[in-house]
Amino acid sequence: MAHSNSVQFQQNQAFSLKPLIAIKDFFVLLATAFSEAKVMEQKSRKTSGNW
């Protein structure tokens, strides 16, 4: 009985980690895109003063 409980816990843990990893990857992607957008904005501000 105790063994079946531990197996059940491991299955639940493995199942619940996948959405968390997907959310973490989404935020990493969002942060990367945001930082790239900030860099592009800084570059465009430097060049937009010329005209």
PDB file of N, CA and C in Angstrom:
ATOM      1  N   MET A   1       0.824  -1.196   0.000  1.00  0.00           N
ATOM      2  CA  MET A   1       0.000   0.000   0.000  1.00  0.00           C
ATOM      3  C   MET A   1       0.865   1.257   0.000  1.00  0.00           C
ATOM      4  N   ALA A   2       1.882   1.265   0.828  1.00  0.00           N
ATOM      5  CA  ALA A   2       2.757   2.441   0.895  1.00  0.00           C
ATOM      6  C   ALA A   2       3.506   2.620  -0.427  1.00  0.00           C
ATOM      7  N   HIS A   3       3.873   1.511  -1.031  1.00  0.00           N
ATOM      8  CA  HIS A   3       4.607   1.612  -2.290  1.00  0.00           C
ATOM      9  C   HIS A   3       3.732   2.219  -3.392  1.00  0.00           C
ATOM     10  N   SER A   4       2.470   1.823  -3.444  1.00  0.00           N
ATOM     11  CA  SER A   4       1.589   2.367  -4.485  1.00  0.00           C
ATOM     12  C   SER A   4       1.367   3.861  -4.276  1.00  0.00           C
ATOM     13  N   ASN A   5       1.366   4.314  -3.035  1.00  0.00           N
ATOM     14  CA  ASN A   5       1.218   5.746  -2.779  1.00  0.00           C
ATOM     15  C   ASN A   5       2.423   6.521  -3.296  1.00  0.00           C
ATOM     16  N   SER A   6       3.616   6.000  -3.100  1.00  0.00           N
ATOM     17  CA  SER A   6       4.801   6.714  -3.544  1.00  0.00           C
ATOM     18  C   SER A   6       4.863   6.756  -5.077  1.00  0.00           C
ATOM     19  N   VAL A   7       4.428   5.683  -5.722  1.00  0.00           N
ATOM     20  CA  VAL A   7       4.408   5.677  -7.186  1.00  0.00           C
ATOM     21  C   VAL A   7       3.393   6.701  -7.690  1.00  0.00           C
ATOM     22  N   GLN A   8       2.249   6.768  -7.049  1.00  0.00           N
ATOM     23  CA  GLN A   8       1.220   7.731  -7.436  1.00  0.00           C
ATOM     24  C   GLN A   8       1.768   9.160  -7.287  1.00  0.00           C
ATOM     25  N   PHE A   9       2.493   9.414  -6.226  1.00  0.00           N
ATOM     26  CA  PHE A   9       3.051  10.747  -6.004  1.00  0.00           C
ATOM     27  C   PHE A   9       4.051  11.108  -7.097  1.00  0.00           C
ATOM     28  N   GLN A  10       4.878  10.146  -7.478  1.00  0.00           N
ATOM     29  CA  GLN A  10       5.858  10.417  -8.523  1.00  0.00           C
ATOM     30  C   GLN A  10       5.167  10.722  -9.854  1.00  0.00           C
ATOM     31  N   GLN A  11       4.106  10.007 -10.163  1.00  0.00           N
ATOM     32  CA  GLN A  11       3.387  10.266 -11.410  1.00  0.00           C
ATOM     33  C   GLN A  11       2.749  11.655 -11.382  1.00  0.00           C
ATOM     34  N   ASN A  12       2.170  12.041 -10.266  1.00  0.00           N
ATOM     35  CA  ASN A  12       1.563  13.363 -10.162  1.00  0.00           C
ATOM     36  C   ASN A  12       2.608  14.458 -10.276  1.00  0.00           C
ATOM     37  N   GLN A  13       3.746  14.242  -9.664  1.00  0.00           N
ATOM     38  CA  GLN A  13       4.796  15.252  -9.705  1.00  0.00           C
ATOM     39  C   GLN A  13       5.307  15.429 -11.135  1.00  0.00           C
ATOM     40  N   ALA A  14       5.522  14.343 -11.849  1.00  0.00           N
ATOM     41  CA  ALA A  14       6.015  14.428 -13.218  1.00  0.00           C
ATOM     42  C   ALA A  14       4.980  15.098 -14.118  1.00  0.00           C
ATOM     43  N   PHE A  15       3.716  14.872 -13.846  1.00  0.00           N
ATOM     44  CA  PHE A  15       2.669  15.479 -14.664  1.00  0.00           C
ATOM     45  C   PHE A  15       2.564  16.984 -14.401  1.00  0.00           C
ATOM     46  N   SER A  16       2.692  17.383 -13.141  1.00  0.00           N
ATOM     47  CA  SER A  16       2.495  18.789 -12.797  1.00  0.00           C
ATOM     48  C   SER A  16       3.705  19.648 -13.150  1.00  0.00           C
ATOM     49  N   LEU A  17       4.856  19.036 -13.349  1.00  0.00           N
ATOM     50  CA  LEU A  17       6.036  19.840 -13.681  1.00  0.00           C
ATOM     51  C   LEU A  17       6.024  20.310 -15.135  1.00  0.00           C
ATOM     52  N   LYS A  18       5.380  19.562 -16.020  1.00  0.00           N
ATOM     53  CA  LYS A  18       5.415  19.939 -17.433  1.00  0.00           C
ATOM     54  C   LYS A  18       4.789  21.300 -17.697  1.00  0.00           C
ATOM     55  N   PRO A  19       3.608  21.614 -17.176  1.00  0.00           N
ATOM     56  CA  PRO A  19       3.079  22.963 -17.403  1.00  0.00           C
ATOM     57  C   PRO A  19       3.944  24.049 -16.786  1.00  0.00           C
ATOM     58  N   LEU A  20       4.539  23.770 -15.625  1.00  0.00           N
ATOM     59  CA  LEU A  20       5.402  24.776 -14.996  1.00  0.00           C
ATOM     60  C   LEU A  20       6.625  25.050 -15.850  1.00  0.00           C
ATOM     61  N   ILE A  21       7.203  24.005 -16.437  1.00  0.00           N
ATOM     62  CA  ILE A  21       8.363  24.189 -17.312  1.00  0.00           C
ATOM     63  C   ILE A  21       7.957  24.967 -18.560  1.00  0.00           C
ATOM     64  N   ALA A  22       6.771  24.679 -19.086  1.00  0.00           N
ATOM     65  CA  ALA A  22       6.294  25.405 -20.263  1.00  0.00           C
ATOM     66  C   ALA A  22       6.075  26.876 -19.927  1.00  0.00           C
ATOM     67  N   ILE A  23       5.527  27.173 -18.763  1.00  0.00           N
ATOM     68  CA  ILE A  23       5.318  28.568 -18.357  1.00  0.00           C
ATOM     69  C   ILE A  23       6.660  29.261 -18.173  1.00  0.00           C
ATOM     70  N   LYS A  24       7.627  28.554 -17.570  1.00  0.00           N
ATOM     71  CA  LYS A  24       8.949  29.150 -17.376  1.00  0.00           C
ATOM     72  C   LYS A  24       9.596  29.452 -18.716  1.00  0.00           C
ATOM     73  N   ASP A  25       9.508  28.511 -19.670  1.00  0.00           N
ATOM     74  CA  ASP A  25      10.071  28.744 -21.001  1.00  0.00           C
ATOM     75  C   ASP A  25       9.390  29.920 -21.678  1.00  0.00           C
ATOM     76  N   PHE A  26       8.080  30.060 -21.477  1.00  0.00           N
ATOM     77  CA  PHE A  26       7.349  31.173 -22.078  1.00  0.00           C
ATOM     78  C   PHE A  26       7.854  32.500 -21.523  1.00  0.00           C
ATOM     79  N   PHE A  27       8.078  32.574 -20.213  1.00  0.00           N
ATOM     80  CA  PHE A  27       8.549  33.823 -19.632  1.00  0.00           C
ATOM     81  C   PHE A  27       9.990  34.117 -20.025  1.00  0.00           C
ATOM     82  N   VAL A  28      10.801  33.083 -20.174  1.00  0.00           N
ATOM     83  CA  VAL A  28      12.170  33.292 -20.645  1.00  0.00           C
ATOM     84  C   VAL A  28      12.143  33.851 -22.066  1.00  0.00           C
ATOM     85  N   LEU A  29      11.284  33.284 -22.903  1.00  0.00           N
ATOM     86  CA  LEU A  29      11.149  33.778 -24.270  1.00  0.00           C
ATOM     87  C   LEU A  29      10.638  35.211 -24.280  1.00  0.00           C
ATOM     88  N   LEU A  30       9.682  35.524 -23.441  1.00  0.00           N
ATOM     89  CA  LEU A  30       9.138  36.873 -23.354  1.00  0.00           C
ATOM     90  C   LEU A  30      10.204  37.859 -22.888  1.00  0.00           C
ATOM     91  N   ALA A  31      10.983  37.475 -21.897  1.00  0.00           N
ATOM     92  CA  ALA A  31      12.035  38.357 -21.394  1.00  0.00           C
ATOM     93  C   ALA A  31      13.109  38.580 -22.449  1.00  0.00           C
ATOM     94  N   THR A  32      13.444  37.541 -23.198  1.00  0.00           N
ATOM     95  CA  THR A  32      14.433  37.684 -24.256  1.00  0.00           C
ATOM     96  C   THR A  32      13.926  38.616 -25.343  1.00  0.00           C
ATOM     97  N   ALA A  33      12.687  38.440 -25.751  1.00  0.00           N
ATOM     98  CA  ALA A  33      12.114  39.314 -26.774  1.00  0.00           C
ATOM     99  C   ALA A  33      12.033  40.747 -26.269  1.00  0.00           C
ATOM    100  N   PHE A  34      11.700  40.943 -25.009  1.00  0.00           N
ATOM    101  CA  PHE A  34      11.598  42.289 -24.464  1.00  0.00           C
ATOM    102  C   PHE A  34      12.962  42.970 -24.438  1.00  0.00           C
ATOM    103  N   SER A  35      14.001  42.235 -24.041  1.00  0.00           N
ATOM    104  CA  SER A  35      15.325  42.842 -23.988  1.00  0.00           C
ATOM    105  C   SER A  35      15.838  43.152 -25.397  1.00  0.00           C
ATOM    106  N   GLU A  36      15.524  42.298 -26.363  1.00  0.00           N
ATOM    107  CA  GLU A  36      15.912  42.597 -27.738  1.00  0.00           C
ATOM    108  C   GLU A  36      15.170  43.824 -28.256  1.00  0.00           C
ATOM    109  N   ALA A  37      13.902  43.954 -27.894  1.00  0.00           N
ATOM    110  CA  ALA A  37      13.135  45.124 -28.317  1.00  0.00           C
ATOM    111  C   ALA A  37      13.711  46.398 -27.701  1.00  0.00           C
ATOM    112  N   LYS A  38      14.161  46.328 -26.459  1.00  0.00           N
ATOM    113  CA  LYS A  38      14.766  47.497 -25.831  1.00  0.00           C
ATOM    114  C   LYS A  38      16.046  47.888 -26.556  1.00  0.00           C
ATOM    115  N   VAL A  39      16.852  46.907 -26.933  1.00  0.00           N
ATOM    116  CA  VAL A  39      18.094  47.199 -27.656  1.00  0.00           C
ATOM    117  C   VAL A  39      17.777  47.824 -29.007  1.00  0.00           C
ATOM    118  N   MET A  40      16.782  47.280 -29.707  1.00  0.00           N
ATOM    119  CA  MET A  40      16.418  47.843 -31.007  1.00  0.00           C
ATOM    120  C   MET A  40      15.857  49.257 -30.853  1.00  0.00           C
ATOM    121  N   GLU A  41      15.141  49.511 -29.768  1.00  0.00           N
ATOM    122  CA  GLU A  41      14.603  50.850 -29.528  1.00  0.00           C
ATOM    123  C   GLU A  41      15.740  51.840 -29.286  1.00  0.00           C
ATOM    124  N   GLN A  42      16.736  51.422 -28.542  1.00  0.00           N
ATOM    125  CA  GLN A  42      17.875  52.309 -28.293  1.00  0.00           C
ATOM    126  C   GLN A  42      18.611  52.614 -29.592  1.00  0.00           C
ATOM    127  N   LYS A  43      18.791  51.611 -30.441  1.00  0.00           N
ATOM    128  CA  LYS A  43      19.457  51.826 -31.725  1.00  0.00           C
ATOM    129  C   LYS A  43      18.642  52.756 -32.608  1.00  0.00           C
ATOM    130  N   SER A  44      17.324  52.580 -32.637  1.00  0.00           N
ATOM    131  CA  SER A  44      16.497  53.415 -33.497  1.00  0.00           C
ATOM    132  C   SER A  44      16.458  54.848 -32.977  1.00  0.00           C
ATOM    133  N   ARG A  45      16.554  55.054 -31.678  1.00  0.00           N
ATOM    134  CA  ARG A  45      16.591  56.418 -31.145  1.00  0.00           C
ATOM    135  C   ARG A  45      17.871  57.121 -31.551  1.00  0.00           C
ATOM    136  N   LYS A  46      18.967  56.386 -31.569  1.00  0.00           N
ATOM    137  CA  LYS A  46      20.241  57.000 -31.963  1.00  0.00           C
ATOM    138  C   LYS A  46      20.210  57.399 -33.430  1.00  0.00           C
ATOM    139  N   THR A  47      19.621  56.570 -34.287  1.00  0.00           N
ATOM    140  CA  THR A  47      19.612  56.873 -35.710  1.00  0.00           C
ATOM    141  C   THR A  47      18.504  57.840 -36.079  1.00  0.00           C
ATOM    142  N   SER A  48      17.408  57.900 -35.305  1.00  0.00           N
ATOM    143  CA  SER A  48      16.285  58.768 -35.681  1.00  0.00           C
ATOM    144  C   SER A  48      16.623  60.239 -35.448  1.00  0.00           C
ATOM    145  N   GLY A  49      17.628  60.544 -34.645  1.00  0.00           N
ATOM    146  CA  GLY A  49      18.008  61.936 -34.437  1.00  0.00           C
ATOM    147  C   GLY A  49      18.706  62.541 -35.649  1.00  0.00           C
ATOM    148  N   ASN A  50      19.155  61.710 -36.567  1.00  0.00           N
ATOM    149  CA  ASN A  50      19.917  62.220 -37.709  1.00  0.00           C
ATOM    150  C   ASN A  50      19.032  62.871 -38.751  1.00  0.00           C
ATOM    151  N   TRP A  51      17.782  62.439 -38.853  1.00  0.00           N
ATOM    152  CA  TRP A  51      16.925  63.042 -39.866  1.00  0.00           C
ATOM    153  C   TRP A  51      15.905  63.889 -39.162  1.00  0.00           C
TER     154      TRP A  51
END
